[in-house]
Amino acid sequence: MIELASTMALASLAQGADQRCEASLIWVATAELNMRQQLAALFANVDLHCDPTFDILLEVYVGLRSGKLRTPGAIANTTGVPGSSITRWIKFLERRGFLQRHKDEIDGRRIFLTLTADAHALVEQALATIASSRPPAEAAQTPTPSLFFSR
């Protein structure tokens, strides 16, 4: 387990980044998570399940970039991955070198997740690919709940 303070430098990447690009990437990540949650609910209606690895990586990414680190429980709640499965997926991503666990310095029982540098680069590359497939105006908007899947 890695000490949280030693990896807070990853979170500081957001502070040095161009704020417009930053807002755009967070918007794309949030929109993608919203879309994937709706798709997961749709597939669950017919007893099919989506692979949650990208959802988990996106949740951790949004947490890092917004300064609100995610716990495994919070990720399970937002991604819809059952609590009985989230640990297995997190361990899988850890073994593959994408995630790191960090003990909360205040409450040692609580664990936060961060992306490795390679995973951070991979997620940003995926978000750039997603953003490039969408109309430019959509990718530059600031996220608000009314923008997501309104009909």
Protein backbone atom coordinates (compact mmCIF):
# COMPACT_ATOMS: atom_id res chain seq x y z
CA MET A 1 0.00 0.00 0.00
CA ILE A 2 1.39 3.39 -0.99
CA GLU A 3 1.09 6.44 1.23
CA LEU A 4 -1.44 8.91 -0.14
CA ALA A 5 0.80 11.95 0.31
CA SER A 6 3.41 10.45 -1.99
CA THR A 7 0.94 10.27 -4.87
CA MET A 8 -0.85 13.56 -4.42
CA ALA A 9 1.56 14.82 -7.07
CA LEU A 10 -0.68 13.05 -9.59
CA ALA A 11 -3.62 15.15 -8.44
CA SER A 12 -1.49 18.28 -8.80
CA LEU A 13 -1.19 17.55 -12.52
CA ALA A 14 -4.61 19.11 -12.84
CA GLN A 15 -3.40 22.38 -11.30
CA GLY A 16 -0.68 22.86 -13.88
CA ALA A 17 -2.84 21.89 -16.85
CA ASP A 18 -4.59 24.33 -19.14
CA GLN A 19 -7.94 24.98 -17.42
CA ARG A 20 -9.98 24.92 -20.62
CA CYS A 21 -8.53 21.58 -21.67
CA GLU A 22 -9.02 20.34 -18.13
CA ALA A 23 -12.71 21.26 -18.07
CA SER A 24 -13.19 19.69 -21.47
CA LEU A 25 -11.59 16.38 -20.44
CA ILE A 26 -13.58 16.24 -17.21
CA TRP A 27 -16.77 16.97 -19.19
CA VAL A 28 -16.00 14.20 -21.68
CA ALA A 29 -15.21 11.75 -18.87
CA THR A 30 -18.40 12.65 -16.99
CA ALA A 31 -20.53 12.40 -20.14
CA GLU A 32 -18.94 9.05 -21.00
CA LEU A 33 -19.62 7.71 -17.49
CA ASN A 34 -23.24 8.87 -17.70
CA MET A 35 -23.69 7.22 -21.09
CA ARG A 36 -22.03 3.99 -19.92
CA GLN A 37 -24.25 3.87 -16.81
CA GLN A 38 -27.35 4.19 -18.98
CA LEU A 39 -26.07 1.48 -21.32
CA ALA A 40 -25.30 -0.80 -18.37
CA ALA A 41 -28.86 -0.31 -17.09
CA LEU A 42 -30.24 -1.07 -20.56
CA PHE A 43 -28.16 -4.26 -20.87
CA ALA A 44 -29.03 -5.31 -17.32
CA ASN A 45 -32.71 -5.30 -18.34
CA VAL A 46 -31.92 -8.26 -20.61
CA ASP A 47 -29.48 -9.96 -18.21
CA LEU A 48 -26.30 -8.84 -19.99
CA HIS A 49 -23.42 -7.07 -18.27
CA CYS A 50 -20.75 -4.67 -19.48
CA ASP A 51 -17.07 -4.96 -18.55
CA PRO A 52 -16.57 -2.38 -15.78
CA THR A 53 -12.80 -1.79 -16.19
CA PHE A 54 -13.11 1.44 -18.18
CA ASP A 55 -15.89 2.68 -15.88
CA ILE A 56 -13.62 2.14 -12.87
CA LEU A 57 -10.69 3.90 -14.55
CA LEU A 58 -12.94 6.83 -15.54
CA GLU A 59 -14.29 7.17 -11.99
CA VAL A 60 -10.78 7.22 -10.54
CA TYR A 61 -9.69 9.71 -13.24
CA VAL A 62 -12.59 12.09 -12.53
CA GLY A 63 -11.84 11.82 -8.81
CA LEU A 64 -8.19 12.70 -9.32
CA ARG A 65 -8.85 15.56 -11.72
CA SER A 66 -11.64 17.07 -9.61
CA GLY A 67 -9.69 16.70 -6.36
CA LYS A 68 -12.20 14.23 -4.86
CA LEU A 69 -10.41 10.89 -4.59
CA ARG A 70 -12.62 7.81 -4.91
CA THR A 71 -12.92 4.87 -2.55
CA PRO A 72 -13.75 1.35 -3.76
CA GLY A 73 -17.23 1.66 -2.18
CA ALA A 74 -17.95 4.94 -3.95
CA ILE A 75 -16.81 3.45 -7.25
CA ALA A 76 -19.05 0.41 -6.69
CA ASN A 77 -22.01 2.73 -6.07
CA THR A 78 -21.50 4.92 -9.12
CA THR A 79 -20.55 2.19 -11.59
CA GLY A 80 -23.16 -0.31 -10.46
CA VAL A 81 -20.51 -2.98 -9.92
CA PRO A 82 -21.67 -5.14 -6.99
CA GLY A 83 -19.64 -4.76 -3.82
CA SER A 84 -18.83 -8.45 -4.04
CA SER A 85 -17.14 -7.88 -7.43
CA ILE A 86 -15.51 -4.47 -7.09
CA THR A 87 -12.55 -5.80 -5.11
CA ARG A 88 -11.84 -8.41 -7.78
CA TRP A 89 -11.90 -5.78 -10.54
CA ILE A 90 -9.69 -3.40 -8.53
CA LYS A 91 -7.17 -6.19 -7.85
CA PHE A 92 -7.20 -7.05 -11.56
CA LEU A 93 -6.45 -3.42 -12.48
CA GLU A 94 -3.75 -3.23 -9.79
CA ARG A 95 -2.01 -6.37 -11.10
CA ARG A 96 -2.12 -4.91 -14.63
CA GLY A 97 -0.42 -1.74 -13.35
CA PHE A 98 -3.36 0.66 -13.77
CA LEU A 99 -4.47 1.36 -10.19
CA GLN A 100 -2.82 1.97 -6.84
CA ARG A 101 -4.40 1.81 -3.39
CA HIS A 102 -3.61 4.42 -0.76
CA LYS A 103 -4.50 4.48 2.92
CA ASP A 104 -6.31 7.57 4.11
CA GLU A 105 -3.88 9.42 6.37
CA ILE A 106 -6.69 10.47 8.71
CA ASP A 107 -8.69 7.24 8.79
CA GLY A 108 -6.39 4.29 8.10
CA ARG A 109 -9.39 2.02 7.49
CA ARG A 110 -10.36 3.95 4.37
CA ILE A 111 -8.67 3.32 1.01
CA PHE A 112 -8.40 5.73 -1.91
CA LEU A 113 -7.60 4.71 -5.46
CA THR A 114 -5.36 6.54 -7.92
CA LEU A 115 -4.25 5.86 -11.46
CA THR A 116 -0.67 5.00 -12.29
CA ALA A 117 1.06 7.37 -14.72
CA ASP A 118 0.57 4.85 -17.55
CA ALA A 119 -3.13 4.50 -16.75
CA HIS A 120 -3.53 8.28 -16.56
CA ALA A 121 -2.01 8.63 -20.03
CA LEU A 122 -4.18 5.79 -21.36
CA VAL A 123 -7.40 7.31 -20.00
CA GLU A 124 -6.54 10.73 -21.42
CA GLN A 125 -5.79 9.13 -24.79
CA ALA A 126 -9.15 7.34 -24.66
CA LEU A 127 -10.92 10.59 -23.74
CA ALA A 128 -9.21 12.41 -26.61
CA THR A 129 -10.40 9.66 -28.95
CA ILE A 130 -13.95 9.93 -27.59
CA ALA A 131 -13.88 13.74 -27.81
CA SER A 132 -12.62 13.66 -31.40
CA SER A 133 -15.59 11.51 -32.40
CA ARG A 134 -18.06 14.08 -31.06
CA PRO A 135 -19.00 17.48 -32.45
CA PRO A 136 -16.50 20.15 -31.25
CA ALA A 137 -19.16 22.24 -29.48
CA GLU A 138 -20.26 19.25 -27.39
CA ALA A 139 -16.76 18.47 -26.14
CA ALA A 140 -16.13 22.08 -25.06
CA GLN A 141 -19.28 22.49 -22.92
CA THR A 142 -19.28 22.60 -19.15
CA PRO A 143 -21.09 19.63 -17.63
CA THR A 144 -24.54 20.21 -16.19
CA PRO A 145 -27.11 17.52 -15.51
CA SER A 146 -29.53 18.97 -18.09
CA LEU A 147 -26.97 18.42 -20.87
CA PHE A 148 -26.77 14.68 -20.33
CA PHE A 149 -29.19 12.67 -22.43
CA SER A 150 -31.99 15.19 -22.45
CA ARG A 151 -34.67 14.50 -25.01
